[in-house]
Amino acid sequence: GSHVVEEQMVMIRLAWNSLKPGGYYVIEDTHSSFLDVY
C-alpha cells in the first residue's frame, strides 16, 4: 500500500486476525522507509 511505516504497523495489527494459521503476512517495499521522497 502506502509504504509508510506508521501505516504498515497499523495494518499488520488490524489484519493479523484475518490471517489463517499457517498463513503468510507480507510487507513489501520496505526500502521505501529510507527514501527521502516519502
PDB file of all heavy atoms in Angstrom:
ATOM      1  N   GLY A   1       0.793  -1.221   0.000  1.00  0.00           N
ATOM      2  CA  GLY A   1       0.000   0.000   0.000  1.00  0.00           C
ATOM      3  C   GLY A   1       0.821   1.263   0.000  1.00  0.00           C
ATOM      4  O   GLY A   1       1.567   1.558  -0.937  1.00  0.00           O
ATOM      5  N   SER A   2       0.723   2.014   1.101  1.00  0.00           N
ATOM      6  CA  SER A   2       1.321   3.355   1.144  1.00  0.00           C
ATOM      7  C   SER A   2       2.837   3.352   1.270  1.00  0.00           C
ATOM      8  O   SER A   2       3.494   4.330   0.928  1.00  0.00           O
ATOM      9  CB  SER A   2       0.736   4.120   2.331  1.00  0.00           C
ATOM     10  OG  SER A   2       1.197   3.571   3.552  1.00  0.00           O
ATOM     11  N   HIS A   3       3.423   2.264   1.786  1.00  0.00           N
ATOM     12  CA  HIS A   3       4.866   2.168   2.065  1.00  0.00           C
ATOM     13  C   HIS A   3       5.296   3.098   3.206  1.00  0.00           C
ATOM     14  O   HIS A   3       6.494   3.345   3.390  1.00  0.00           O
ATOM     15  CB  HIS A   3       5.721   2.457   0.834  1.00  0.00           C
ATOM     16  CG  HIS A   3       5.330   1.674  -0.388  1.00  0.00           C
ATOM     17  ND1 HIS A   3       4.734   0.431  -0.316  1.00  0.00           N
ATOM     18  CD2 HIS A   3       5.444   1.964  -1.706  1.00  0.00           C
ATOM     19  CE1 HIS A   3       4.506  -0.011  -1.542  1.00  0.00           C
ATOM     20  NE2 HIS A   3       4.912   0.908  -2.404  1.00  0.00           N
ATOM     21  N   VAL A   4       4.338   3.598   3.941  1.00  0.00           N
ATOM     22  CA  VAL A   4       4.624   4.463   5.089  1.00  0.00           C
ATOM     23  C   VAL A   4       4.667   3.600   6.345  1.00  0.00           C
ATOM     24  O   VAL A   4       3.746   2.819   6.602  1.00  0.00           O
ATOM     25  CB  VAL A   4       3.552   5.562   5.230  1.00  0.00           C
ATOM     26  CG1 VAL A   4       3.774   6.380   6.490  1.00  0.00           C
ATOM     27  CG2 VAL A   4       3.557   6.455   3.993  1.00  0.00           C
ATOM     28  N   VAL A   5       5.732   3.729   7.118  1.00  0.00           N
ATOM     29  CA  VAL A   5       5.967   2.861   8.273  1.00  0.00           C
ATOM     30  C   VAL A   5       4.785   2.835   9.227  1.00  0.00           C
ATOM     31  O   VAL A   5       4.347   1.773   9.676  1.00  0.00           O
ATOM     32  CB  VAL A   5       7.246   3.284   9.013  1.00  0.00           C
ATOM     33  CG1 VAL A   5       7.310   2.651  10.391  1.00  0.00           C
ATOM     34  CG2 VAL A   5       8.468   2.885   8.211  1.00  0.00           C
ATOM     35  N   GLU A   6       4.268   4.015   9.576  1.00  0.00           N
ATOM     36  CA  GLU A   6       3.158   4.061  10.531  1.00  0.00           C
ATOM     37  C   GLU A   6       1.966   3.230  10.046  1.00  0.00           C
ATOM     38  O   GLU A   6       1.343   2.507  10.828  1.00  0.00           O
ATOM     39  CB  GLU A   6       2.715   5.509  10.778  1.00  0.00           C
ATOM     40  CG  GLU A   6       3.681   6.335  11.596  1.00  0.00           C
ATOM     41  CD  GLU A   6       4.757   6.998  10.761  1.00  0.00           C
ATOM     42  OE1 GLU A   6       4.907   6.637   9.572  1.00  0.00           O
ATOM     43  OE2 GLU A   6       5.454   7.882  11.281  1.00  0.00           O
ATOM     44  N   GLU A   7       1.667   3.325   8.758  1.00  0.00           N
ATOM     45  CA  GLU A   7       0.525   2.593   8.218  1.00  0.00           C
ATOM     46  C   GLU A   7       0.821   1.101   8.100  1.00  0.00           C
ATOM     47  O   GLU A   7      -0.077   0.265   8.249  1.00  0.00           O
ATOM     48  CB  GLU A   7       0.116   3.187   6.873  1.00  0.00           C
ATOM     49  CG  GLU A   7      -0.416   4.607   7.018  1.00  0.00           C
ATOM     50  CD  GLU A   7      -0.956   5.175   5.718  1.00  0.00           C
ATOM     51  OE1 GLU A   7      -1.196   4.398   4.768  1.00  0.00           O
ATOM     52  OE2 GLU A   7      -1.139   6.405   5.656  1.00  0.00           O
ATOM     53  N   GLN A   8       2.064   0.755   7.844  1.00  0.00           N
ATOM     54  CA  GLN A   8       2.442  -0.662   7.830  1.00  0.00           C
ATOM     55  C   GLN A   8       2.238  -1.285   9.208  1.00  0.00           C
ATOM     56  O   GLN A   8       1.762  -2.419   9.326  1.00  0.00           O
ATOM     57  CB  GLN A   8       3.897  -0.815   7.384  1.00  0.00           C
ATOM     58  CG  GLN A   8       4.122  -0.499   5.915  1.00  0.00           C
ATOM     59  CD  GLN A   8       5.588  -0.439   5.538  1.00  0.00           C
ATOM     60  OE1 GLN A   8       6.455  -0.229   6.399  1.00  0.00           O
ATOM     61  NE2 GLN A   8       5.876  -0.619   4.265  1.00  0.00           N
ATOM     62  N   MET A   9       2.582  -0.545  10.248  1.00  0.00           N
ATOM     63  CA  MET A   9       2.416  -1.036  11.617  1.00  0.00           C
ATOM     64  C   MET A   9       0.943  -1.159  11.985  1.00  0.00           C
ATOM     65  O   MET A   9       0.530  -2.110  12.660  1.00  0.00           O
ATOM     66  CB  MET A   9       3.145  -0.103  12.594  1.00  0.00           C
ATOM     67  CG  MET A   9       4.655  -0.086  12.395  1.00  0.00           C
ATOM     68  SD  MET A   9       5.500   1.179  13.386  1.00  0.00           S
ATOM     69  CE  MET A   9       5.376   0.465  15.020  1.00  0.00           C
ATOM     70  N   VAL A  10       0.142  -0.204  11.528  1.00  0.00           N
ATOM     71  CA  VAL A  10      -1.297  -0.260  11.797  1.00  0.00           C
ATOM     72  C   VAL A  10      -1.930  -1.441  11.077  1.00  0.00           C
ATOM     73  O   VAL A  10      -2.710  -2.208  11.654  1.00  0.00           O
ATOM     74  CB  VAL A  10      -1.981   1.053  11.375  1.00  0.00           C
ATOM     75  CG1 VAL A  10      -3.505   0.887  11.407  1.00  0.00           C
ATOM     76  CG2 VAL A  10      -1.564   2.193  12.290  1.00  0.00           C
ATOM     77  N   MET A  11      -1.591  -1.616   9.806  1.00  0.00           N
ATOM     78  CA  MET A  11      -2.234  -2.651   9.003  1.00  0.00           C
ATOM     79  C   MET A  11      -1.965  -4.044   9.553  1.00  0.00           C
ATOM     80  O   MET A  11      -2.887  -4.873   9.634  1.00  0.00           O
ATOM     81  CB  MET A  11      -1.772  -2.569   7.549  1.00  0.00           C
ATOM     82  CG  MET A  11      -2.427  -3.646   6.683  1.00  0.00           C
ATOM     83  SD  MET A  11      -1.964  -3.523   4.929  1.00  0.00           S
ATOM     84  CE  MET A  11      -2.436  -5.157   4.381  1.00  0.00           C
ATOM     85  N   ILE A  12      -0.742  -4.350   9.930  1.00  0.00           N
ATOM     86  CA  ILE A  12      -0.453  -5.705  10.394  1.00  0.00           C
ATOM     87  C   ILE A  12      -1.233  -6.019  11.672  1.00  0.00           C
ATOM     88  O   ILE A  12      -1.715  -7.137  11.865  1.00  0.00           O
ATOM     89  CB  ILE A  12       1.064  -5.945  10.590  1.00  0.00           C
ATOM     90  CG1 ILE A  12       1.323  -7.443  10.832  1.00  0.00           C
ATOM     91  CG2 ILE A  12       1.632  -5.099  11.721  1.00  0.00           C
ATOM     92  CD1 ILE A  12       2.788  -7.810  10.843  1.00  0.00           C
ATOM     93  N   ARG A  13      -1.408  -5.018  12.518  1.00  0.00           N
ATOM     94  CA  ARG A  13      -2.167  -5.255  13.752  1.00  0.00           C
ATOM     95  C   ARG A  13      -3.650  -5.478  13.452  1.00  0.00           C
ATOM     96  O   ARG A  13      -4.300  -6.316  14.086  1.00  0.00           O
ATOM     97  CB  ARG A  13      -1.981  -4.078  14.710  1.00  0.00           C
ATOM     98  CG  ARG A  13      -0.555  -3.959  15.237  1.00  0.00           C
ATOM     99  CD  ARG A  13      -0.449  -2.910  16.336  1.00  0.00           C
ATOM    100  NE  ARG A  13       0.922  -2.779  16.817  1.00  0.00           N
ATOM    101  CZ  ARG A  13       1.709  -1.751  16.585  1.00  0.00           C
ATOM    102  NH1 ARG A  13       1.264  -0.723  15.879  1.00  0.00           N
ATOM    103  NH2 ARG A  13       2.938  -1.704  17.056  1.00  0.00           N
ATOM    104  N   LEU A  14      -4.181  -4.743  12.483  1.00  0.00           N
ATOM    105  CA  LEU A  14      -5.585  -4.896  12.135  1.00  0.00           C
ATOM    106  C   LEU A  14      -5.846  -6.193  11.369  1.00  0.00           C
ATOM    107  O   LEU A  14      -6.885  -6.833  11.553  1.00  0.00           O
ATOM    108  CB  LEU A  14      -6.043  -3.714  11.280  1.00  0.00           C
ATOM    109  CG  LEU A  14      -6.131  -2.351  11.964  1.00  0.00           C
ATOM    110  CD1 LEU A  14      -6.501  -1.284  10.939  1.00  0.00           C
ATOM    111  CD2 LEU A  14      -7.151  -2.369  13.101  1.00  0.00           C
ATOM    112  N   ALA A  15      -4.916  -6.568  10.512  1.00  0.00           N
ATOM    113  CA  ALA A  15      -5.145  -7.690   9.597  1.00  0.00           C
ATOM    114  C   ALA A  15      -4.762  -9.044  10.166  1.00  0.00           C
ATOM    115  O   ALA A  15      -5.201 -10.074   9.654  1.00  0.00           O
ATOM    116  CB  ALA A  15      -4.358  -7.447   8.306  1.00  0.00           C
ATOM    117  N   TRP A  16      -3.976  -9.056  11.219  1.00  0.00           N
ATOM    118  CA  TRP A  16      -3.392 -10.320  11.701  1.00  0.00           C
ATOM    119  C   TRP A  16      -4.447 -11.380  12.021  1.00  0.00           C
ATOM    120  O   TRP A  16      -4.283 -12.563  11.681  1.00  0.00           O
ATOM    121  CB  TRP A  16      -2.514 -10.051  12.920  1.00  0.00           C
ATOM    122  CG  TRP A  16      -1.751 -11.259  13.376  1.00  0.00           C
ATOM    123  CD1 TRP A  16      -2.037 -12.071  14.442  1.00  0.00           C
ATOM    124  CD2 TRP A  16      -0.563 -11.797  12.779  1.00  0.00           C
ATOM    125  NE1 TRP A  16      -1.103 -13.073  14.538  1.00  0.00           N
ATOM    126  CE2 TRP A  16      -0.186 -12.931  13.531  1.00  0.00           C
ATOM    127  CE3 TRP A  16       0.219 -11.428  11.677  1.00  0.00           C
ATOM    128  CZ2 TRP A  16       0.934 -13.700  13.220  1.00  0.00           C
ATOM    129  CZ3 TRP A  16       1.339 -12.201  11.354  1.00  0.00           C
ATOM    130  CH2 TRP A  16       1.680 -13.321  12.126  1.00  0.00           C
ATOM    131  N   ASN A  17      -5.530 -10.984  12.644  1.00  0.00           N
ATOM    132  CA  ASN A  17      -6.573 -11.960  12.995  1.00  0.00           C
ATOM    133  C   ASN A  17      -7.287 -12.523  11.773  1.00  0.00           C
ATOM    134  O   ASN A  17      -7.960 -13.554  11.864  1.00  0.00           O
ATOM    135  CB  ASN A  17      -7.609 -11.331  13.930  1.00  0.00           C
ATOM    136  CG  ASN A  17      -7.084 -11.191  15.344  1.00  0.00           C
ATOM    137  OD1 ASN A  17      -6.131 -11.864  15.741  1.00  0.00           O
ATOM    138  ND2 ASN A  17      -7.700 -10.313  16.117  1.00  0.00           N
ATOM    139  N   SER A  18      -7.148 -11.853  10.635  1.00  0.00           N
ATOM    140  CA  SER A  18      -7.776 -12.319   9.400  1.00  0.00           C
ATOM    141  C   SER A  18      -6.870 -13.257   8.611  1.00  0.00           C
ATOM    142  O   SER A  18      -7.238 -13.722   7.523  1.00  0.00           O
ATOM    143  CB  SER A  18      -8.151 -11.128   8.514  1.00  0.00           C
ATOM    144  OG  SER A  18      -9.090 -10.296   9.169  1.00  0.00           O
ATOM    145  N   LEU A  19      -5.695 -13.562   9.150  1.00  0.00           N
ATOM    146  CA  LEU A  19      -4.752 -14.484   8.527  1.00  0.00           C
ATOM    147  C   LEU A  19      -4.936 -15.864   9.146  1.00  0.00           C
ATOM    148  O   LEU A  19      -4.937 -16.002  10.371  1.00  0.00           O
ATOM    149  CB  LEU A  19      -3.325 -13.989   8.733  1.00  0.00           C
ATOM    150  CG  LEU A  19      -2.194 -14.790   8.092  1.00  0.00           C
ATOM    151  CD1 LEU A  19      -2.276 -14.695   6.563  1.00  0.00           C
ATOM    152  CD2 LEU A  19      -0.825 -14.286   8.586  1.00  0.00           C
ATOM    153  N   LYS A  20      -5.079 -16.875   8.324  1.00  0.00           N
ATOM    154  CA  LYS A  20      -5.307 -18.222   8.833  1.00  0.00           C
ATOM    155  C   LYS A  20      -4.032 -18.780   9.469  1.00  0.00           C
ATOM    156  O   LYS A  20      -2.917 -18.345   9.139  1.00  0.00           O
ATOM    157  CB  LYS A  20      -5.773 -19.145   7.701  1.00  0.00           C
ATOM    158  CG  LYS A  20      -4.718 -19.416   6.645  1.00  0.00           C
ATOM    159  CD  LYS A  20      -5.236 -20.329   5.536  1.00  0.00           C
ATOM    160  CE  LYS A  20      -5.353 -21.753   6.037  1.00  0.00           C
ATOM    161  NZ  LYS A  20      -5.660 -22.703   4.915  1.00  0.00           N
ATOM    162  N   PRO A  21      -4.152 -19.722  10.398  1.00  0.00           N
ATOM    163  CA  PRO A  21      -2.962 -20.392  10.935  1.00  0.00           C
ATOM    164  C   PRO A  21      -2.160 -21.038   9.804  1.00  0.00           C
ATOM    165  O   PRO A  21      -2.726 -21.660   8.903  1.00  0.00           O
ATOM    166  CB  PRO A  21      -3.566 -21.460  11.862  1.00  0.00           C
ATOM    167  CG  PRO A  21      -4.883 -20.897  12.269  1.00  0.00           C
ATOM    168  CD  PRO A  21      -5.395 -20.174  11.040  1.00  0.00           C
ATOM    169  N   GLY A  22      -0.857 -20.836   9.817  1.00  0.00           N
ATOM    170  CA  GLY A  22      -0.004 -21.330   8.750  1.00  0.00           C
ATOM    171  C   GLY A  22       0.090 -20.398   7.565  1.00  0.00           C
ATOM    172  O   GLY A  22       0.813 -20.677   6.596  1.00  0.00           O
ATOM    173  N   GLY A  23      -0.620 -19.257   7.625  1.00  0.00           N
ATOM    174  CA  GLY A  23      -0.615 -18.301   6.527  1.00  0.00           C
ATOM    175  C   GLY A  23       0.590 -17.380   6.554  1.00  0.00           C
ATOM    176  O   GLY A  23       1.395 -17.393   7.490  1.00  0.00           O
ATOM    177  N   TYR A  24       0.699 -16.544   5.515  1.00  0.00           N
ATOM    178  CA  TYR A  24       1.834 -15.641   5.366  1.00  0.00           C
ATOM    179  C   TYR A  24       1.357 -14.185   5.321  1.00  0.00           C
ATOM    180  O   TYR A  24       0.418 -13.860   4.600  1.00  0.00           O
ATOM    181  CB  TYR A  24       2.605 -15.953   4.086  1.00  0.00           C
ATOM    182  CG  TYR A  24       3.290 -17.296   4.088  1.00  0.00           C
ATOM    183  CD1 TYR A  24       2.651 -18.428   3.595  1.00  0.00           C
ATOM    184  CD2 TYR A  24       4.579 -17.441   4.601  1.00  0.00           C
ATOM    185  CE1 TYR A  24       3.270 -19.671   3.599  1.00  0.00           C
ATOM    186  CE2 TYR A  24       5.214 -18.672   4.619  1.00  0.00           C
ATOM    187  CZ  TYR A  24       4.557 -19.790   4.110  1.00  0.00           C
ATOM    188  OH  TYR A  24       5.176 -21.015   4.114  1.00  0.00           O
ATOM    189  N   TYR A  25       2.047 -13.343   6.080  1.00  0.00           N
ATOM    190  CA  TYR A  25       1.787 -11.904   6.048  1.00  0.00           C
ATOM    191  C   TYR A  25       3.031 -11.226   5.475  1.00  0.00           C
ATOM    192  O   TYR A  25       4.143 -11.383   6.002  1.00  0.00           O
ATOM    193  CB  TYR A  25       1.489 -11.355   7.447  1.00  0.00           C
ATOM    194  CG  TYR A  25       1.052  -9.903   7.406  1.00  0.00           C
ATOM    195  CD1 TYR A  25      -0.293  -9.577   7.363  1.00  0.00           C
ATOM    196  CD2 TYR A  25       1.989  -8.872   7.362  1.00  0.00           C
ATOM    197  CE1 TYR A  25      -0.710  -8.249   7.289  1.00  0.00           C
ATOM    198  CE2 TYR A  25       1.594  -7.553   7.274  1.00  0.00           C
ATOM    199  CZ  TYR A  25       0.243  -7.245   7.241  1.00  0.00           C
ATOM    200  OH  TYR A  25      -0.161  -5.941   7.150  1.00  0.00           O
ATOM    201  N   VAL A  26       2.846 -10.451   4.410  1.00  0.00           N
ATOM    202  CA  VAL A  26       3.965  -9.882   3.659  1.00  0.00           C
ATOM    203  C   VAL A  26       3.945  -8.359   3.728  1.00  0.00           C
ATOM    204  O   VAL A  26       2.900  -7.730   3.533  1.00  0.00           O
ATOM    205  CB  VAL A  26       3.889 -10.309   2.175  1.00  0.00           C
ATOM    206  CG1 VAL A  26       5.061  -9.733   1.392  1.00  0.00           C
ATOM    207  CG2 VAL A  26       3.836 -11.831   2.050  1.00  0.00           C
ATOM    208  N   ILE A  27       5.103  -7.771   3.982  1.00  0.00           N
ATOM    209  CA  ILE A  27       5.284  -6.324   3.868  1.00  0.00           C
ATOM    210  C   ILE A  27       6.288  -6.079   2.750  1.00  0.00           C
ATOM    211  O   ILE A  27       7.455  -6.467   2.855  1.00  0.00           O
ATOM    212  CB  ILE A  27       5.783  -5.692   5.175  1.00  0.00           C
ATOM    213  CG1 ILE A  27       4.832  -6.014   6.336  1.00  0.00           C
ATOM    214  CG2 ILE A  27       5.935  -4.176   5.020  1.00  0.00           C
ATOM    215  CD1 ILE A  27       5.328  -5.543   7.682  1.00  0.00           C
ATOM    216  N   GLU A  28       5.823  -5.458   1.672  1.00  0.00           N
ATOM    217  CA  GLU A  28       6.679  -5.192   0.526  1.00  0.00           C
ATOM    218  C   GLU A  28       7.281  -3.788   0.593  1.00  0.00           C
ATOM    219  O   GLU A  28       6.809  -2.924   1.317  1.00  0.00           O
ATOM    220  CB  GLU A  28       5.871  -5.316  -0.773  1.00  0.00           C
ATOM    221  CG  GLU A  28       5.490  -6.730  -1.133  1.00  0.00           C
ATOM    222  CD  GLU A  28       4.878  -6.832  -2.521  1.00  0.00           C
ATOM    223  OE1 GLU A  28       4.599  -5.792  -3.144  1.00  0.00           O
ATOM    224  OE2 GLU A  28       4.683  -7.958  -2.993  1.00  0.00           O
ATOM    225  N   ASP A  29       8.322  -3.615  -0.203  1.00  0.00           N
ATOM    226  CA  ASP A  29       8.935  -2.295  -0.426  1.00  0.00           C
ATOM    227  C   ASP A  29       9.402  -1.636   0.867  1.00  0.00           C
ATOM    228  O   ASP A  29       9.229  -0.423   1.062  1.00  0.00           O
ATOM    229  CB  ASP A  29       7.950  -1.377  -1.162  1.00  0.00           C
ATOM    230  CG  ASP A  29       7.551  -1.938  -2.517  1.00  0.00           C
ATOM    231  OD1 ASP A  29       8.420  -2.491  -3.208  1.00  0.00           O
ATOM    232  OD2 ASP A  29       6.368  -1.830  -2.886  1.00  0.00           O
ATOM    233  N   THR A  30      10.010  -2.417   1.736  1.00  0.00           N
ATOM    234  CA  THR A  30      10.491  -1.853   2.999  1.00  0.00           C
ATOM    235  C   THR A  30      11.618  -0.846   2.781  1.00  0.00           C
ATOM    236  O   THR A  30      11.882  -0.010   3.649  1.00  0.00           O
ATOM    237  CB  THR A  30      10.964  -2.964   3.942  1.00  0.00           C
ATOM    238  OG1 THR A  30      11.904  -3.810   3.259  1.00  0.00           O
ATOM    239  CG2 THR A  30       9.782  -3.813   4.408  1.00  0.00           C
ATOM    240  N   HIS A  31      12.246  -0.896   1.611  1.00  0.00           N
ATOM    241  CA  HIS A  31      13.292   0.089   1.308  1.00  0.00           C
ATOM    242  C   HIS A  31      12.728   1.506   1.234  1.00  0.00           C
ATOM    243  O   HIS A  31      13.459   2.488   1.403  1.00  0.00           O
ATOM    244  CB  HIS A  31      13.965  -0.251  -0.025  1.00  0.00           C
ATOM    245  CG  HIS A  31      13.069  -0.112  -1.211  1.00  0.00           C
ATOM    246  ND1 HIS A  31      12.177  -1.091  -1.588  1.00  0.00           N
ATOM    247  CD2 HIS A  31      12.894   0.904  -2.102  1.00  0.00           C
ATOM    248  CE1 HIS A  31      11.507  -0.697  -2.654  1.00  0.00           C
ATOM    249  NE2 HIS A  31      11.912   0.517  -2.989  1.00  0.00           N
ATOM    250  N   SER A  32      11.415   1.611   1.011  1.00  0.00           N
ATOM    251  CA  SER A  32      10.794   2.936   0.894  1.00  0.00           C
ATOM    252  C   SER A  32      10.920   3.754   2.171  1.00  0.00           C
ATOM    253  O   SER A  32      10.866   4.984   2.142  1.00  0.00           O
ATOM    254  CB  SER A  32       9.304   2.792   0.523  1.00  0.00           C
ATOM    255  OG  SER A  32       9.159   2.151  -0.721  1.00  0.00           O
ATOM    256  N   SER A  33      11.079   3.046   3.287  1.00  0.00           N
ATOM    257  CA  SER A  33      11.230   3.742   4.570  1.00  0.00           C
ATOM    258  C   SER A  33      12.439   4.663   4.575  1.00  0.00           C
ATOM    259  O   SER A  33      12.490   5.634   5.335  1.00  0.00           O
ATOM    260  CB  SER A  33      11.376   2.719   5.705  1.00  0.00           C
ATOM    261  OG  SER A  33      10.238   1.894   5.799  1.00  0.00           O
ATOM    262  N   PHE A  34      13.403   4.368   3.727  1.00  0.00           N
ATOM    263  CA  PHE A  34      14.666   5.099   3.749  1.00  0.00           C
ATOM    264  C   PHE A  34      14.814   6.069   2.576  1.00  0.00           C
ATOM    265  O   PHE A  34      15.867   6.667   2.393  1.00  0.00           O
ATOM    266  CB  PHE A  34      15.828   4.096   3.769  1.00  0.00           C
ATOM    267  CG  PHE A  34      15.729   3.111   4.888  1.00  0.00           C
ATOM    268  CD1 PHE A  34      15.180   1.851   4.675  1.00  0.00           C
ATOM    269  CD2 PHE A  34      16.143   3.441   6.173  1.00  0.00           C
ATOM    270  CE1 PHE A  34      15.069   0.937   5.706  1.00  0.00           C
ATOM    271  CE2 PHE A  34      16.026   2.542   7.214  1.00  0.00           C
ATOM    272  CZ  PHE A  34      15.487   1.288   6.984  1.00  0.00           C
ATOM    273  N   LEU A  35      13.751   6.219   1.797  1.00  0.00           N
ATOM    274  CA  LEU A  35      13.797   7.140   0.667  1.00  0.00           C
ATOM    275  C   LEU A  35      13.271   8.518   1.077  1.00  0.00           C
ATOM    276  O   LEU A  35      12.215   8.622   1.694  1.00  0.00           O
ATOM    277  CB  LEU A  35      12.949   6.593  -0.487  1.00  0.00           C
ATOM    278  CG  LEU A  35      13.398   5.257  -1.096  1.00  0.00           C
ATOM    279  CD1 LEU A  35      12.431   4.829  -2.189  1.00  0.00           C
ATOM    280  CD2 LEU A  35      14.812   5.359  -1.645  1.00  0.00           C
ATOM    281  N   ASP A  36      13.977   9.545   0.716  1.00  0.00           N
ATOM    282  CA  ASP A  36      13.591  10.914   1.095  1.00  0.00           C
ATOM    283  C   ASP A  36      12.236  11.311   0.525  1.00  0.00           C
ATOM    284  O   ASP A  36      11.520  12.132   1.110  1.00  0.00           O
ATOM    285  CB  ASP A  36      14.661  11.909   0.623  1.00  0.00           C
ATOM    286  CG  ASP A  36      15.961  11.774   1.406  1.00  0.00           C
ATOM    287  OD1 ASP A  36      15.923  11.226   2.534  1.00  0.00           O
ATOM    288  OD2 ASP A  36      17.009  12.196   0.890  1.00  0.00           O
ATOM    289  N   VAL A  37      11.872  10.720  -0.605  1.00  0.00           N
ATOM    290  CA  VAL A  37      10.629  11.106  -1.263  1.00  0.00           C
ATOM    291  C   VAL A  37       9.414  10.841  -0.371  1.00  0.00           C
ATOM    292  O   VAL A  37       8.396  11.533  -0.471  1.00  0.00           O
ATOM    293  CB  VAL A  37      10.477  10.371  -2.618  1.00  0.00           C
ATOM    294  CG1 VAL A  37      10.289   8.873  -2.407  1.00  0.00           C
ATOM    295  CG2 VAL A  37       9.318  10.949  -3.419  1.00  0.00           C
ATOM    296  N   TYR A  38       9.528   9.867   0.532  1.00  0.00           N
ATOM    297  CA  TYR A  38       8.400   9.556   1.412  1.00  0.00           C
ATOM    298  C   TYR A  38       8.386  10.418   2.673  1.00  0.00           C
ATOM    299  O   TYR A  38       7.403  10.421   3.407  1.00  0.00           O
ATOM    300  CB  TYR A  38       8.414   8.068   1.790  1.00  0.00           C
ATOM    301  CG  TYR A  38       7.957   7.181   0.654  1.00  0.00           C
ATOM    302  CD1 TYR A  38       8.878   6.631  -0.227  1.00  0.00           C
ATOM    303  CD2 TYR A  38       6.608   6.921   0.443  1.00  0.00           C
ATOM    304  CE1 TYR A  38       8.466   5.827  -1.282  1.00  0.00           C
ATOM    305  CE2 TYR A  38       6.186   6.121  -0.604  1.00  0.00           C
ATOM    306  CZ  TYR A  38       7.118   5.575  -1.461  1.00  0.00           C
ATOM    307  OH  TYR A  38       6.710   4.793  -2.505  1.00  0.00           O
TER     308      TYR A  38
END
